[in-house]
């Protein structure tokens, strides 16, 4: 089976929207209340990738998962911090896709000069908590009853990953685009993709 991790393309918007939709419509994993269509996802890709990395995992030419980073807080002193998310197509879960995407994403974020990555997880979600802990995240707190969806309140756990221990950061994080052709980065992508275990038939 041909497997690879690569930079997202605008043409991936439909596949990304289909992966993301169940996380919106079937539960409170996402606090969006309406699943965005492909056109909305395409717009988000265009806006985010000016600065931040967005990766997809592909098997037999089909996108089965994606991960991206985005702004954590707008004030300038937060600029070395990002929020990250990963979503995987249901038949491809528990095969290492999420871990491979995150490993690749963090490689770029470190090279960009980011220092902290944060992830918010709606509770309960032991699978997501386990994934984040497996790649080095630690819990920093829980926001109780912060989101109201499907008729009830939900708690959100926040986790942090230290990307760099540098005593002072670079002047400003570097845009992601220049790193996708860096051989050191593409080698990490290749190794991470090949570490993904057996996947179901990608046509399922």
C-alpha atoms as a PDB file:
ATOM      1  CA  UNK A   1       0.000   0.000   0.000  1.00  0.00           C
ATOM      2  CA  UNK A   2       1.378   3.414  -1.016  1.00  0.00           C
ATOM      3  CA  UNK A   3       1.374   5.752   1.986  1.00  0.00           C
ATOM      4  CA  UNK A   4       2.597   9.306   2.320  1.00  0.00           C
ATOM      5  CA  UNK A   5       2.311  12.493   4.342  1.00  0.00           C
ATOM      6  CA  UNK A   6       2.328  15.718   2.366  1.00  0.00           C
ATOM      7  CA  UNK A   7       1.353  19.359   2.386  1.00  0.00           C
ATOM      8  CA  UNK A   8      -2.367  19.947   1.949  1.00  0.00           C
ATOM      9  CA  UNK A   9      -3.646  21.175  -1.421  1.00  0.00           C
ATOM     10  CA  UNK A  10      -6.799  23.157  -2.146  1.00  0.00           C
ATOM     11  CA  UNK A  11      -8.074  20.148  -4.062  1.00  0.00           C
ATOM     12  CA  UNK A  12      -8.091  18.181  -0.777  1.00  0.00           C
ATOM     13  CA  UNK A  13     -10.909  20.343   0.617  1.00  0.00           C
ATOM     14  CA  UNK A  14     -13.681  17.880  -0.228  1.00  0.00           C
ATOM     15  CA  UNK A  15     -11.880  14.941   1.389  1.00  0.00           C
ATOM     16  CA  UNK A  16     -11.041  17.033   4.449  1.00  0.00           C
ATOM     17  CA  UNK A  17     -14.658  18.187   4.817  1.00  0.00           C
ATOM     18  CA  UNK A  18     -15.870  14.575   4.649  1.00  0.00           C
ATOM     19  CA  UNK A  19     -13.423  13.461   7.352  1.00  0.00           C
ATOM     20  CA  UNK A  20     -14.319  16.392   9.603  1.00  0.00           C
ATOM     21  CA  UNK A  21     -18.121  16.322   9.234  1.00  0.00           C
ATOM     22  CA  UNK A  22     -18.838  13.430  11.661  1.00  0.00           C
ATOM     23  CA  UNK A  23     -16.850  15.173  14.400  1.00  0.00           C
ATOM     24  CA  UNK A  24     -19.302  18.077  14.105  1.00  0.00           C
ATOM     25  CA  UNK A  25     -22.605  16.333  13.441  1.00  0.00           C
ATOM     26  CA  UNK A  26     -22.265  13.185  15.567  1.00  0.00           C
ATOM     27  CA  UNK A  27     -20.789  14.536  18.778  1.00  0.00           C
ATOM     28  CA  UNK A  28     -19.110  17.374  20.632  1.00  0.00           C
ATOM     29  CA  UNK A  29     -15.532  16.686  19.572  1.00  0.00           C
ATOM     30  CA  UNK A  30     -15.804  19.948  17.654  1.00  0.00           C
ATOM     31  CA  UNK A  31     -17.808  22.872  18.999  1.00  0.00           C
ATOM     32  CA  UNK A  32     -18.874  23.885  15.521  1.00  0.00           C
ATOM     33  CA  UNK A  33     -22.594  23.242  15.154  1.00  0.00           C
ATOM     34  CA  UNK A  34     -22.767  22.913  11.361  1.00  0.00           C
ATOM     35  CA  UNK A  35     -20.268  20.906   9.360  1.00  0.00           C
ATOM     36  CA  UNK A  36     -18.434  23.192   6.904  1.00  0.00           C
ATOM     37  CA  UNK A  37     -18.692  22.350   3.225  1.00  0.00           C
ATOM     38  CA  UNK A  38     -15.764  21.897   0.862  1.00  0.00           C
ATOM     39  CA  UNK A  39     -15.799  25.553  -0.184  1.00  0.00           C
ATOM     40  CA  UNK A  40     -15.496  26.675   3.438  1.00  0.00           C
ATOM     41  CA  UNK A  41     -12.656  24.234   4.077  1.00  0.00           C
ATOM     42  CA  UNK A  42     -10.887  25.439   0.936  1.00  0.00           C
ATOM     43  CA  UNK A  43     -11.092  29.008   2.235  1.00  0.00           C
ATOM     44  CA  UNK A  44      -9.674  27.934   5.599  1.00  0.00           C
ATOM     45  CA  UNK A  45      -6.795  26.123   3.928  1.00  0.00           C
ATOM     46  CA  UNK A  46      -5.994  29.192   1.865  1.00  0.00           C
ATOM     47  CA  UNK A  47      -5.980  31.456   4.914  1.00  0.00           C
ATOM     48  CA  UNK A  48      -4.163  29.198   7.383  1.00  0.00           C
ATOM     49  CA  UNK A  49      -1.365  27.966   5.171  1.00  0.00           C
ATOM     50  CA  UNK A  50       0.010  31.467   4.634  1.00  0.00           C
ATOM     51  CA  UNK A  51       1.748  30.926   8.002  1.00  0.00           C
ATOM     52  CA  UNK A  52       0.890  27.531   9.462  1.00  0.00           C
ATOM     53  CA  UNK A  53       1.462  23.936   8.302  1.00  0.00           C
ATOM     54  CA  UNK A  54      -1.452  21.736   7.263  1.00  0.00           C
ATOM     55  CA  UNK A  55      -0.684  18.106   6.412  1.00  0.00           C
ATOM     56  CA  UNK A  56      -2.646  15.176   5.033  1.00  0.00           C
ATOM     57  CA  UNK A  57      -2.042  11.442   5.243  1.00  0.00           C
ATOM     58  CA  UNK A  58      -2.726   9.666   1.976  1.00  0.00           C
ATOM     59  CA  UNK A  59      -3.010   5.944   1.226  1.00  0.00           C
ATOM     60  CA  UNK A  60      -3.504   4.703  -2.332  1.00  0.00           C
ATOM     61  CA  UNK A  61      -4.155   8.317  -3.388  1.00  0.00           C
ATOM     62  CA  UNK A  62      -6.980   8.794  -0.869  1.00  0.00           C
ATOM     63  CA  UNK A  63      -6.775  11.288   2.003  1.00  0.00           C
ATOM     64  CA  UNK A  64      -7.495   9.457   5.265  1.00  0.00           C
ATOM     65  CA  UNK A  65      -6.458  12.028   7.847  1.00  0.00           C
ATOM     66  CA  UNK A  66      -5.160  15.549   8.339  1.00  0.00           C
ATOM     67  CA  UNK A  67      -3.491  17.727  10.955  1.00  0.00           C
ATOM     68  CA  UNK A  68      -2.866  21.432  11.149  1.00  0.00           C
ATOM     69  CA  UNK A  69      -1.714  24.264  13.366  1.00  0.00           C
ATOM     70  CA  UNK A  70      -3.376  27.638  13.846  1.00  0.00           C
ATOM     71  CA  UNK A  71      -3.205  30.787  15.943  1.00  0.00           C
ATOM     72  CA  UNK A  72      -3.368  30.266  19.704  1.00  0.00           C
ATOM     73  CA  UNK A  73      -3.983  33.841  20.841  1.00  0.00           C
ATOM     74  CA  UNK A  74      -3.829  37.064  18.858  1.00  0.00           C
ATOM     75  CA  UNK A  75      -1.737  39.274  21.170  1.00  0.00           C
ATOM     76  CA  UNK A  76       1.869  39.571  20.081  1.00  0.00           C
ATOM     77  CA  UNK A  77       3.514  37.941  23.085  1.00  0.00           C
ATOM     78  CA  UNK A  78       1.665  34.702  22.255  1.00  0.00           C
ATOM     79  CA  UNK A  79       3.089  34.488  18.727  1.00  0.00           C
ATOM     80  CA  UNK A  80       5.396  31.539  19.467  1.00  0.00           C
ATOM     81  CA  UNK A  81       2.431  29.361  20.481  1.00  0.00           C
ATOM     82  CA  UNK A  82       0.017  27.415  18.290  1.00  0.00           C
ATOM     83  CA  UNK A  83      -3.069  25.260  18.634  1.00  0.00           C
ATOM     84  CA  UNK A  84      -3.043  21.936  16.829  1.00  0.00           C
ATOM     85  CA  UNK A  85      -5.713  19.483  15.706  1.00  0.00           C
ATOM     86  CA  UNK A  86      -5.748  16.090  14.016  1.00  0.00           C
ATOM     87  CA  UNK A  87      -8.671  14.210  12.457  1.00  0.00           C
ATOM     88  CA  UNK A  88      -8.680  10.696  10.995  1.00  0.00           C
ATOM     89  CA  UNK A  89     -11.212   8.900   8.810  1.00  0.00           C
ATOM     90  CA  UNK A  90     -13.043   6.320  10.947  1.00  0.00           C
ATOM     91  CA  UNK A  91     -11.821   3.124   9.156  1.00  0.00           C
ATOM     92  CA  UNK A  92      -8.208   4.323   9.445  1.00  0.00           C
ATOM     93  CA  UNK A  93      -8.186   5.000  13.195  1.00  0.00           C
ATOM     94  CA  UNK A  94      -6.027   3.083  15.680  1.00  0.00           C
ATOM     95  CA  UNK A  95      -3.418   2.469  12.985  1.00  0.00           C
ATOM     96  CA  UNK A  96      -0.986   5.241  13.897  1.00  0.00           C
ATOM     97  CA  UNK A  97      -2.228   7.827  11.399  1.00  0.00           C
ATOM     98  CA  UNK A  98      -2.774  10.526  14.017  1.00  0.00           C
ATOM     99  CA  UNK A  99       0.631   9.944  15.586  1.00  0.00           C
ATOM    100  CA  UNK A 100       2.350  10.035  12.181  1.00  0.00           C
ATOM    101  CA  UNK A 101       0.650  13.298  11.258  1.00  0.00           C
ATOM    102  CA  UNK A 102       1.514  14.919  14.568  1.00  0.00           C
ATOM    103  CA  UNK A 103       5.152  13.778  14.407  1.00  0.00           C
ATOM    104  CA  UNK A 104       5.426  15.392  10.979  1.00  0.00           C
ATOM    105  CA  UNK A 105       3.563  18.547  11.995  1.00  0.00           C
ATOM    106  CA  UNK A 106       5.788  19.117  15.022  1.00  0.00           C
ATOM    107  CA  UNK A 107       8.917  18.764  12.891  1.00  0.00           C
ATOM    108  CA  UNK A 108       7.844  21.772  10.838  1.00  0.00           C
ATOM    109  CA  UNK A 109       6.612  23.780  13.828  1.00  0.00           C
ATOM    110  CA  UNK A 110       9.980  23.403  15.568  1.00  0.00           C
ATOM    111  CA  UNK A 111      11.828  24.549  12.475  1.00  0.00           C
ATOM    112  CA  UNK A 112       9.484  27.537  12.185  1.00  0.00           C
ATOM    113  CA  UNK A 113      10.489  28.629  15.674  1.00  0.00           C
ATOM    114  CA  UNK A 114       7.337  27.786  17.621  1.00  0.00           C
ATOM    115  CA  UNK A 115       7.826  26.994  21.303  1.00  0.00           C
ATOM    116  CA  UNK A 116       4.496  25.631  22.585  1.00  0.00           C
ATOM    117  CA  UNK A 117       1.669  23.647  21.011  1.00  0.00           C
ATOM    118  CA  UNK A 118      -1.736  23.390  22.675  1.00  0.00           C
ATOM    119  CA  UNK A 119      -4.673  21.062  22.079  1.00  0.00           C
ATOM    120  CA  UNK A 120      -8.209  21.193  23.461  1.00  0.00           C
ATOM    121  CA  UNK A 121     -10.160  17.945  23.909  1.00  0.00           C
ATOM    122  CA  UNK A 122     -13.855  17.747  24.713  1.00  0.00           C
ATOM    123  CA  UNK A 123     -14.330  15.254  27.543  1.00  0.00           C
ATOM    124  CA  UNK A 124     -14.725  12.357  27.747  1.00  0.00           C
ATOM    125  CA  UNK A 125     -12.482  11.264  24.883  1.00  0.00           C
ATOM    126  CA  UNK A 126      -9.946   8.693  26.106  1.00  0.00           C
ATOM    127  CA  UNK A 127      -8.726   7.881  22.591  1.00  0.00           C
ATOM    128  CA  UNK A 128      -7.792  11.490  21.866  1.00  0.00           C
ATOM    129  CA  UNK A 129      -6.244  11.993  25.309  1.00  0.00           C
ATOM    130  CA  UNK A 130      -4.203   8.833  24.774  1.00  0.00           C
ATOM    131  CA  UNK A 131      -2.996   9.988  21.352  1.00  0.00           C
ATOM    132  CA  UNK A 132      -1.885  13.369  22.645  1.00  0.00           C
ATOM    133  CA  UNK A 133      -0.129  11.891  25.668  1.00  0.00           C
ATOM    134  CA  UNK A 134       1.649   9.388  23.395  1.00  0.00           C
ATOM    135  CA  UNK A 135       3.319  12.228  21.481  1.00  0.00           C
ATOM    136  CA  UNK A 136       4.350  14.135  24.604  1.00  0.00           C
ATOM    137  CA  UNK A 137       1.455  16.398  25.576  1.00  0.00           C
ATOM    138  CA  UNK A 138       0.758  16.989  29.265  1.00  0.00           C
ATOM    139  CA  UNK A 139      -2.492  18.198  30.786  1.00  0.00           C
ATOM    140  CA  UNK A 140      -2.453  21.804  31.956  1.00  0.00           C
ATOM    141  CA  UNK A 141      -6.079  22.178  33.016  1.00  0.00           C
ATOM    142  CA  UNK A 142      -9.771  21.608  32.362  1.00  0.00           C
ATOM    143  CA  UNK A 143     -12.359  24.241  31.485  1.00  0.00           C
ATOM    144  CA  UNK A 144     -15.577  22.912  33.073  1.00  0.00           C
ATOM    145  CA  UNK A 145     -18.926  23.433  31.333  1.00  0.00           C
ATOM    146  CA  UNK A 146     -17.424  25.687  28.657  1.00  0.00           C
ATOM    147  CA  UNK A 147     -19.345  24.482  25.605  1.00  0.00           C
ATOM    148  CA  UNK A 148     -23.079  23.836  25.234  1.00  0.00           C
ATOM    149  CA  UNK A 149     -23.975  21.478  22.404  1.00  0.00           C
ATOM    150  CA  UNK A 150     -26.681  18.858  21.819  1.00  0.00           C
ATOM    151  CA  UNK A 151     -28.565  19.967  24.903  1.00  0.00           C
ATOM    152  CA  UNK A 152     -25.836  19.711  27.515  1.00  0.00           C
ATOM    153  CA  UNK A 153     -22.644  21.297  28.821  1.00  0.00           C
ATOM    154  CA  UNK A 154     -19.225  19.900  27.977  1.00  0.00           C
ATOM    155  CA  UNK A 155     -15.829  20.173  29.671  1.00  0.00           C
ATOM    156  CA  UNK A 156     -12.649  20.760  27.677  1.00  0.00           C
ATOM    157  CA  UNK A 157      -9.221  19.502  28.711  1.00  0.00           C
ATOM    158  CA  UNK A 158      -6.240  21.567  27.583  1.00  0.00           C
ATOM    159  CA  UNK A 159      -2.886  19.941  26.932  1.00  0.00           C
ATOM    160  CA  UNK A 160       0.535  21.414  26.160  1.00  0.00           C
ATOM    161  CA  UNK A 161       3.556  20.179  24.234  1.00  0.00           C
ATOM    162  CA  UNK A 162       6.863  22.015  24.627  1.00  0.00           C
ATOM    163  CA  UNK A 163       8.393  22.213  21.166  1.00  0.00           C
ATOM    164  CA  UNK A 164      11.567  24.050  22.176  1.00  0.00           C
ATOM    165  CA  UNK A 165      13.464  24.745  25.373  1.00  0.00           C
ATOM    166  CA  UNK A 166      15.326  27.740  23.926  1.00  0.00           C
ATOM    167  CA  UNK A 167      15.697  30.448  26.615  1.00  0.00           C
ATOM    168  CA  UNK A 168      14.617  33.108  24.121  1.00  0.00           C
ATOM    169  CA  UNK A 169      12.629  32.612  20.908  1.00  0.00           C
ATOM    170  CA  UNK A 170      13.505  33.803  17.424  1.00  0.00           C
ATOM    171  CA  UNK A 171      12.167  37.257  16.544  1.00  0.00           C
ATOM    172  CA  UNK A 172       9.061  35.802  14.859  1.00  0.00           C
ATOM    173  CA  UNK A 173       8.044  32.337  13.628  1.00  0.00           C
ATOM    174  CA  UNK A 174       8.908  31.634   9.985  1.00  0.00           C
ATOM    175  CA  UNK A 175       6.067  30.843   7.517  1.00  0.00           C
ATOM    176  CA  UNK A 176       5.683  27.106   6.940  1.00  0.00           C
ATOM    177  CA  UNK A 177       5.866  27.104   3.140  1.00  0.00           C
ATOM    178  CA  UNK A 178       9.633  27.037   2.814  1.00  0.00           C
ATOM    179  CA  UNK A 179      10.021  23.818   4.794  1.00  0.00           C
ATOM    180  CA  UNK A 180       8.026  21.429   2.637  1.00  0.00           C
ATOM    181  CA  UNK A 181      10.949  20.952   0.249  1.00  0.00           C
ATOM    182  CA  UNK A 182      13.557  20.650   3.005  1.00  0.00           C
ATOM    183  CA  UNK A 183      15.062  17.162   2.768  1.00  0.00           C
ATOM    184  CA  UNK A 184      15.277  16.846   6.556  1.00  0.00           C
ATOM    185  CA  UNK A 185      11.543  17.505   6.811  1.00  0.00           C
ATOM    186  CA  UNK A 186      10.503  15.234   3.948  1.00  0.00           C
ATOM    187  CA  UNK A 187      12.596  12.447   5.492  1.00  0.00           C
ATOM    188  CA  UNK A 188      10.559  12.752   8.691  1.00  0.00           C
ATOM    189  CA  UNK A 189       7.337  12.659   6.642  1.00  0.00           C
ATOM    190  CA  UNK A 190       8.461   9.492   4.876  1.00  0.00           C
ATOM    191  CA  UNK A 191       9.522   7.715   8.052  1.00  0.00           C
ATOM    192  CA  UNK A 192       6.297   8.663   9.862  1.00  0.00           C
ATOM    193  CA  UNK A 193       4.090   7.527   6.977  1.00  0.00           C
ATOM    194  CA  UNK A 194       5.834   4.174   6.699  1.00  0.00           C
ATOM    195  CA  UNK A 195       5.392   3.586  10.451  1.00  0.00           C
ATOM    196  CA  UNK A 196       1.594   3.594  10.033  1.00  0.00           C
ATOM    197  CA  UNK A 197       0.324   0.077  10.590  1.00  0.00           C
ATOM    198  CA  UNK A 198      -2.014  -1.855   8.328  1.00  0.00           C
ATOM    199  CA  UNK A 199      -4.910   0.201   7.071  1.00  0.00           C
ATOM    200  CA  UNK A 200      -8.355  -0.978   5.993  1.00  0.00           C
ATOM    201  CA  UNK A 201      -9.138  -0.910   2.303  1.00  0.00           C
ATOM    202  CA  UNK A 202      -9.022   2.843   1.498  1.00  0.00           C
ATOM    203  CA  UNK A 203     -12.141   2.436  -0.620  1.00  0.00           C
ATOM    204  CA  UNK A 204     -14.192   1.447   2.461  1.00  0.00           C
END
